[in-house]
Amino acid sequence: MRWGRAAAAAGLMFLLTSCGAEFDPLYVEGDAAGPVIGWRDCPGADPDGIDEVGLYTWDRSSTVDEPGELLWRIKSDHGALLHRLRLGSTPKGFTTLHALTTTLEPGTTYALRTNMKSEDLVSGFLTFRPGQLSAGSGRIVFDSGKAESRKQYEARDDEDFGCFSD
């Protein structure tokens, strides 16, 4: 993965925070048995989609640049513009670079890092515990562990996620 872009993401997150973005557009939803990774779409932005995603174990010594042990990694082959994909899967148009071979533990904290196709919002990062997700709850985990209902999440202003209209 172009992890130099991850370092750029940290700088971008600082920039987004300083210009009004409160949250990273990356989120996880679904349930502990089948989490789904999503990216909040910015209305009016250039077409974008997930290019690369990695899942890592996360512990007290982890950082955005060194998130822990790699558990799963996929990369887009042909510029697929996906905003949602099932964690651990290989959607059409993607290649698995590191297969997920373990079951996610509900109380363990994991990190997700993504790179996006466009240069507008380069990448995303969050931490989550599968136990934060429960079947049928409609909960979304975003911004490194913040969880709320889909209704509350969708009611947030797009500008909270760095989506600014011209």
C-alpha atoms as a PDB file:
ATOM      1  CA  MET A   1       0.000   0.000   0.000  1.00  0.00           C
ATOM      2  CA  ARG A   2       1.244   3.477  -0.621  1.00  0.00           C
ATOM      3  CA  TRP A   3       1.766   4.199   3.046  1.00  0.00           C
ATOM      4  CA  GLY A   4       3.475   7.437   2.213  1.00  0.00           C
ATOM      5  CA  ARG A   5      -0.091   8.439   1.420  1.00  0.00           C
ATOM      6  CA  ALA A   6      -1.023   7.426   4.975  1.00  0.00           C
ATOM      7  CA  ALA A   7       1.443   9.981   6.286  1.00  0.00           C
ATOM      8  CA  ALA A   8      -0.118  12.477   3.912  1.00  0.00           C
ATOM      9  CA  ALA A   9      -3.490  11.464   5.369  1.00  0.00           C
ATOM     10  CA  ALA A  10      -2.354  12.426   8.849  1.00  0.00           C
ATOM     11  CA  GLY A  11      -1.412  15.830   7.464  1.00  0.00           C
ATOM     12  CA  LEU A  12      -4.687  15.987   5.558  1.00  0.00           C
ATOM     13  CA  MET A  13      -6.649  15.154   8.699  1.00  0.00           C
ATOM     14  CA  PHE A  14      -4.864  18.001  10.469  1.00  0.00           C
ATOM     15  CA  LEU A  15      -5.693  20.276   7.552  1.00  0.00           C
ATOM     16  CA  LEU A  16      -9.322  19.108   7.444  1.00  0.00           C
ATOM     17  CA  THR A  17      -9.640  19.594  11.180  1.00  0.00           C
ATOM     18  CA  SER A  18      -8.192  23.077  10.976  1.00  0.00           C
ATOM     19  CA  CYS A  19     -10.590  24.044   8.167  1.00  0.00           C
ATOM     20  CA  GLY A  20     -13.707  22.651   9.792  1.00  0.00           C
ATOM     21  CA  ALA A  21     -13.686  18.869   9.194  1.00  0.00           C
ATOM     22  CA  GLU A  22     -14.360  17.175  12.481  1.00  0.00           C
ATOM     23  CA  PHE A  23     -14.466  13.531  11.324  1.00  0.00           C
ATOM     24  CA  ASP A  24     -12.800  11.165   8.848  1.00  0.00           C
ATOM     25  CA  PRO A  25     -15.302   9.960   6.161  1.00  0.00           C
ATOM     26  CA  LEU A  26     -14.319   6.285   6.723  1.00  0.00           C
ATOM     27  CA  TYR A  27     -16.777   4.166   8.742  1.00  0.00           C
ATOM     28  CA  VAL A  28     -17.655   0.560   9.631  1.00  0.00           C
ATOM     29  CA  GLU A  29     -21.184  -0.820   9.939  1.00  0.00           C
ATOM     30  CA  GLY A  30     -22.978  -4.159   9.909  1.00  0.00           C
ATOM     31  CA  ASP A  31     -22.383  -6.727  12.605  1.00  0.00           C
ATOM     32  CA  ALA A  32     -19.395  -8.369  14.269  1.00  0.00           C
ATOM     33  CA  ALA A  33     -19.641 -11.409  11.971  1.00  0.00           C
ATOM     34  CA  GLY A  34     -19.595  -9.357   8.758  1.00  0.00           C
ATOM     35  CA  PRO A  35     -18.492  -5.755   9.116  1.00  0.00           C
ATOM     36  CA  VAL A  36     -18.868  -3.504   6.086  1.00  0.00           C
ATOM     37  CA  ILE A  37     -16.375  -0.722   5.360  1.00  0.00           C
ATOM     38  CA  GLY A  38     -17.868   2.466   3.984  1.00  0.00           C
ATOM     39  CA  TRP A  39     -16.776   5.895   2.825  1.00  0.00           C
ATOM     40  CA  ARG A  40     -19.087   8.877   3.211  1.00  0.00           C
ATOM     41  CA  ASP A  41     -19.611  10.343  -0.232  1.00  0.00           C
ATOM     42  CA  CYS A  42     -19.170  14.092  -0.604  1.00  0.00           C
ATOM     43  CA  PRO A  43     -21.944  15.617  -2.737  1.00  0.00           C
ATOM     44  CA  GLY A  44     -20.507  17.496  -5.690  1.00  0.00           C
ATOM     45  CA  ALA A  45     -17.007  15.980  -5.325  1.00  0.00           C
ATOM     46  CA  ASP A  46     -15.215  14.231  -8.160  1.00  0.00           C
ATOM     47  CA  PRO A  47     -16.111  10.533  -8.454  1.00  0.00           C
ATOM     48  CA  ASP A  48     -14.142   8.669  -5.830  1.00  0.00           C
ATOM     49  CA  GLY A  49     -13.857   5.199  -4.432  1.00  0.00           C
ATOM     50  CA  ILE A  50     -11.738   2.961  -2.257  1.00  0.00           C
ATOM     51  CA  ASP A  51      -8.469   2.047  -3.987  1.00  0.00           C
ATOM     52  CA  GLU A  52      -6.768   0.120  -1.184  1.00  0.00           C
ATOM     53  CA  VAL A  53      -7.663  -1.027   2.307  1.00  0.00           C
ATOM     54  CA  GLY A  54      -5.721  -2.704   5.100  1.00  0.00           C
ATOM     55  CA  LEU A  55      -6.921  -4.174   8.401  1.00  0.00           C
ATOM     56  CA  TYR A  56      -4.529  -4.310  11.367  1.00  0.00           C
ATOM     57  CA  THR A  57      -4.502  -5.301  15.001  1.00  0.00           C
ATOM     58  CA  TRP A  58      -4.295  -2.212  17.226  1.00  0.00           C
ATOM     59  CA  ASP A  59      -2.689  -1.909  20.647  1.00  0.00           C
ATOM     60  CA  ARG A  60      -1.406   0.789  22.960  1.00  0.00           C
ATOM     61  CA  SER A  61       1.869   1.143  21.073  1.00  0.00           C
ATOM     62  CA  SER A  62       0.199   1.450  17.640  1.00  0.00           C
ATOM     63  CA  THR A  63       0.153   4.645  15.594  1.00  0.00           C
ATOM     64  CA  VAL A  64      -1.399   5.707  12.301  1.00  0.00           C
ATOM     65  CA  ASP A  65       1.968   5.077  10.624  1.00  0.00           C
ATOM     66  CA  GLU A  66       2.560   1.775  12.474  1.00  0.00           C
ATOM     67  CA  PRO A  67      -0.938   0.410  13.143  1.00  0.00           C
ATOM     68  CA  GLY A  68       0.105  -3.115  14.108  1.00  0.00           C
ATOM     69  CA  GLU A  69       0.068  -6.558  12.533  1.00  0.00           C
ATOM     70  CA  LEU A  70      -1.409  -6.664   9.024  1.00  0.00           C
ATOM     71  CA  LEU A  71      -4.413  -9.006   8.918  1.00  0.00           C
ATOM     72  CA  TRP A  72      -5.948  -8.251   5.511  1.00  0.00           C
ATOM     73  CA  ARG A  73      -5.184  -6.063   2.501  1.00  0.00           C
ATOM     74  CA  ILE A  74      -6.804  -5.578  -0.898  1.00  0.00           C
ATOM     75  CA  LYS A  75      -6.140  -3.240  -3.822  1.00  0.00           C
ATOM     76  CA  SER A  76      -8.243  -2.147  -6.784  1.00  0.00           C
ATOM     77  CA  ASP A  77      -7.133  -3.456 -10.184  1.00  0.00           C
ATOM     78  CA  HIS A  78      -9.195  -1.416 -12.572  1.00  0.00           C
ATOM     79  CA  GLY A  79     -10.289   1.707 -10.801  1.00  0.00           C
ATOM     80  CA  ALA A  80     -13.505   0.315  -9.344  1.00  0.00           C
ATOM     81  CA  LEU A  81     -15.421   3.058  -7.556  1.00  0.00           C
ATOM     82  CA  LEU A  82     -16.705   1.257  -4.471  1.00  0.00           C
ATOM     83  CA  HIS A  83     -17.860   3.171  -1.410  1.00  0.00           C
ATOM     84  CA  ARG A  84     -18.782   0.051   0.555  1.00  0.00           C
ATOM     85  CA  LEU A  85     -17.261  -3.400   0.790  1.00  0.00           C
ATOM     86  CA  ARG A  86     -17.410  -6.323   3.176  1.00  0.00           C
ATOM     87  CA  LEU A  87     -14.354  -6.558   5.400  1.00  0.00           C
ATOM     88  CA  GLY A  88     -12.320  -9.651   4.489  1.00  0.00           C
ATOM     89  CA  SER A  89     -13.829  -9.974   0.995  1.00  0.00           C
ATOM     90  CA  THR A  90     -12.325  -9.403  -2.433  1.00  0.00           C
ATOM     91  CA  PRO A  91     -14.847  -7.464  -4.519  1.00  0.00           C
ATOM     92  CA  LYS A  92     -14.838  -7.709  -8.299  1.00  0.00           C
ATOM     93  CA  GLY A  93     -12.036  -5.527  -9.647  1.00  0.00           C
ATOM     94  CA  PHE A  94      -9.832  -5.984  -6.536  1.00  0.00           C
ATOM     95  CA  THR A  95      -6.900  -8.257  -5.728  1.00  0.00           C
ATOM     96  CA  THR A  96      -6.192  -9.728  -2.316  1.00  0.00           C
ATOM     97  CA  LEU A  97      -2.630  -8.910  -1.289  1.00  0.00           C
ATOM     98  CA  HIS A  98      -2.992 -10.433   2.195  1.00  0.00           C
ATOM     99  CA  ALA A  99      -5.940 -12.734   2.948  1.00  0.00           C
ATOM    100  CA  LEU A 100      -7.857 -12.485   6.210  1.00  0.00           C
ATOM    101  CA  THR A 101      -7.236 -15.835   7.895  1.00  0.00           C
ATOM    102  CA  THR A 102      -8.492 -15.130  11.394  1.00  0.00           C
ATOM    103  CA  THR A 103     -11.860 -14.423  12.975  1.00  0.00           C
ATOM    104  CA  LEU A 104     -12.240 -10.947  14.403  1.00  0.00           C
ATOM    105  CA  GLU A 105     -12.645 -10.969  18.180  1.00  0.00           C
ATOM    106  CA  PRO A 106     -15.505  -8.750  19.484  1.00  0.00           C
ATOM    107  CA  GLY A 107     -13.406  -7.066  22.212  1.00  0.00           C
ATOM    108  CA  THR A 108     -10.199  -6.620  20.212  1.00  0.00           C
ATOM    109  CA  THR A 109      -9.426  -3.230  18.703  1.00  0.00           C
ATOM    110  CA  TYR A 110      -8.560  -3.168  14.998  1.00  0.00           C
ATOM    111  CA  ALA A 111      -7.391  -0.389  12.694  1.00  0.00           C
ATOM    112  CA  LEU A 112      -8.488   0.275   9.118  1.00  0.00           C
ATOM    113  CA  ARG A 113      -6.498   2.351   6.649  1.00  0.00           C
ATOM    114  CA  THR A 114      -7.777   3.199   3.204  1.00  0.00           C
ATOM    115  CA  ASN A 115      -6.440   4.983   0.173  1.00  0.00           C
ATOM    116  CA  MET A 116      -8.942   6.560  -2.172  1.00  0.00           C
ATOM    117  CA  LYS A 117      -8.878   6.948  -5.962  1.00  0.00           C
ATOM    118  CA  SER A 118      -9.072  10.727  -6.047  1.00  0.00           C
ATOM    119  CA  GLU A 119      -6.574  13.169  -4.718  1.00  0.00           C
ATOM    120  CA  ASP A 120      -9.283  15.222  -2.987  1.00  0.00           C
ATOM    121  CA  LEU A 121      -9.589  13.024   0.114  1.00  0.00           C
ATOM    122  CA  VAL A 122      -6.470  10.885  -0.043  1.00  0.00           C
ATOM    123  CA  SER A 123      -7.044   8.325   2.682  1.00  0.00           C
ATOM    124  CA  GLY A 124      -8.913   7.367   5.804  1.00  0.00           C
ATOM    125  CA  PHE A 125      -8.126   5.809   9.151  1.00  0.00           C
ATOM    126  CA  LEU A 126     -10.174   4.530  12.071  1.00  0.00           C
ATOM    127  CA  THR A 127     -10.073   2.082  14.942  1.00  0.00           C
ATOM    128  CA  PHE A 128     -13.011  -0.080  16.018  1.00  0.00           C
ATOM    129  CA  ARG A 129     -14.021  -3.140  18.000  1.00  0.00           C
ATOM    130  CA  PRO A 130     -16.369  -5.631  16.288  1.00  0.00           C
ATOM    131  CA  GLY A 131     -18.336  -5.757  19.554  1.00  0.00           C
ATOM    132  CA  GLN A 132     -19.445  -2.171  18.845  1.00  0.00           C
ATOM    133  CA  LEU A 133     -21.469  -3.567  15.952  1.00  0.00           C
ATOM    134  CA  SER A 134     -24.501  -5.743  16.552  1.00  0.00           C
ATOM    135  CA  ALA A 135     -26.884  -7.369  14.094  1.00  0.00           C
ATOM    136  CA  GLY A 136     -29.832  -5.174  13.253  1.00  0.00           C
ATOM    137  CA  SER A 137     -28.689  -2.293  15.449  1.00  0.00           C
ATOM    138  CA  GLY A 138     -27.925   0.037  12.559  1.00  0.00           C
ATOM    139  CA  ARG A 139     -24.839   1.304  14.422  1.00  0.00           C
ATOM    140  CA  ILE A 140     -21.977   2.944  12.562  1.00  0.00           C
ATOM    141  CA  VAL A 141     -18.466   3.216  13.981  1.00  0.00           C
ATOM    142  CA  PHE A 142     -16.367   6.121  12.712  1.00  0.00           C
ATOM    143  CA  ASP A 143     -13.740   8.590  13.822  1.00  0.00           C
ATOM    144  CA  SER A 144     -11.609   6.058  15.719  1.00  0.00           C
ATOM    145  CA  GLY A 145     -14.229   4.355  17.775  1.00  0.00           C
ATOM    146  CA  LYS A 146     -17.134   6.811  17.905  1.00  0.00           C
ATOM    147  CA  ALA A 147     -20.392   4.872  17.452  1.00  0.00           C
ATOM    148  CA  GLU A 148     -23.917   6.087  16.784  1.00  0.00           C
ATOM    149  CA  SER A 149     -27.065   5.113  14.906  1.00  0.00           C
ATOM    150  CA  ARG A 150     -27.184   5.399  11.122  1.00  0.00           C
ATOM    151  CA  LYS A 151     -29.908   8.045  11.529  1.00  0.00           C
ATOM    152  CA  GLN A 152     -27.660  10.183  13.769  1.00  0.00           C
ATOM    153  CA  TYR A 153     -24.690   9.659  11.433  1.00  0.00           C
ATOM    154  CA  GLU A 154     -26.630  10.617   8.298  1.00  0.00           C
ATOM    155  CA  ALA A 155     -28.060  13.681  10.062  1.00  0.00           C
ATOM    156  CA  ARG A 156     -24.552  15.087  10.551  1.00  0.00           C
ATOM    157  CA  ASP A 157     -23.585  17.960   8.279  1.00  0.00           C
ATOM    158  CA  ASP A 158     -21.364  16.880   5.357  1.00  0.00           C
ATOM    159  CA  GLU A 159     -18.970  19.675   6.311  1.00  0.00           C
ATOM    160  CA  ASP A 160     -18.240  17.741   9.535  1.00  0.00           C
ATOM    161  CA  PHE A 161     -16.542  15.230   7.213  1.00  0.00           C
ATOM    162  CA  GLY A 162     -14.648  17.727   5.075  1.00  0.00           C
ATOM    163  CA  CYS A 163     -17.311  17.928   2.332  1.00  0.00           C
ATOM    164  CA  PHE A 164     -17.537  21.592   1.434  1.00  0.00           C
ATOM    165  CA  SER A 165     -19.757  22.804  -1.394  1.00  0.00           C
ATOM    166  CA  ASP A 166     -18.457  25.478  -3.739  1.00  0.00           C
END
